[in-house]
Amino acid sequence: MKNLIEKINSTFIKRTEDILLQKEVWRELSSFFRPDIKSYRHMRPSTLIAEETGDLGLAVLWIVQTGLIRPIISDLVLSSAGDSGLISLVTEIRDDSICALAHSEKNEAPVLITPENKGFSLTGIKKFVTAGVNADCILITCRNPEDEKISRIVFFDKSMIEPELMQDLNLNIMKSVNHTSIKFNKKFLTNDKIPAIDPTDIRRTVKKWGIIERAMIIEAYISYLSYFNRIRETMGLELIEKNRLDQLLATQKRSTDLQIEEALYKDRISTENISITELLQIISSFKDHVNELSEILNDSDRIKFKDIFLFDSLK
């Protein structure tokens, strides 16, 4: 564990620009903490990573792989009535594979799937894809032109998406992981890439595991704030809202535990997380010290500290 933490810290700045190194560190992380949500129902490595290293981008990547993508794939396989093409794609996914979900989209440009000769075509924009450039496979949610909600899901392996379709978002946050948008302009697909899954099942599983992803990210973010309190402590500075922060983290951990249990074993999930209003008040307290910390942090922590604006950037 110590060697992994040292690797995460020592490579951080280089990983903000080196895509291949991002993937290398993910492989080491996934070999140490296998991305299986059933193994971490009461203690998340993402929380540990955020608190020990301040690398929120890497923590979120682990969350996306463990609490979102793989559970969605598992649920869809169960709903696909033995679709051989889907099963073939899924069997190629290893623990160290990076999978991406392209789901969020612009209201004015939803991704539509249209029948073509011997297949379908995709048109539209997916606006935020975590680790898109590094993804070994990408799940694309889409809808028929006549539908108001997503009704199809497409499985791409990396070779199917030309590099020019992806655009780096150049975010100022979570710099240790690449984030892209994807623009489709009548991208042709063969029928075997579109499993026959009931639209209701697609929407249900994407929504369910999206709830889990959100709970885990909130938990990791609070731990990330604790990282900077520890930095302040080493510098002899006054800690910021430590008691409230500890209480919120304990509350969120209990809530995340419950939501994961419900997602795995029940039909309905509690969506109750900590008070976002209270969290935003604590975030505001940290923001008041941005200039103070920016002047004394090392280069690595200065970049990490920009993640304090996570909720502003993702509005």
Foldseek 3Di string as FASTA:
>chain_A
DVVLLVLCQVCQVVLLPDLVVLLVNLLVVCVVPQLACVVALQHQVLQVSLQSRLLNLSSLQSLCSRLADVQLLVLQCVQQVPLVLSVVVVVVDDSSAREKEQEAFDPVFFWEWADDVQFIFIFGKRFKIWQVVRHQKYKYFGPHPVDPDTFWIFIGGPVLADPVQWDFPPDLASSSTTMTMGGGDRRTDHPSRTGDGGSVSSVLSNVLSVLLSVLSSVLNVLSNLNNVQVVCVVVVHDGQPVVVSVVLNVQSSVLSSQQSVCSVPHDDGDSDHPDVVVVVVSLVRVVVCLVVQCVPDDPSVNSSVVCSCVVVVVD
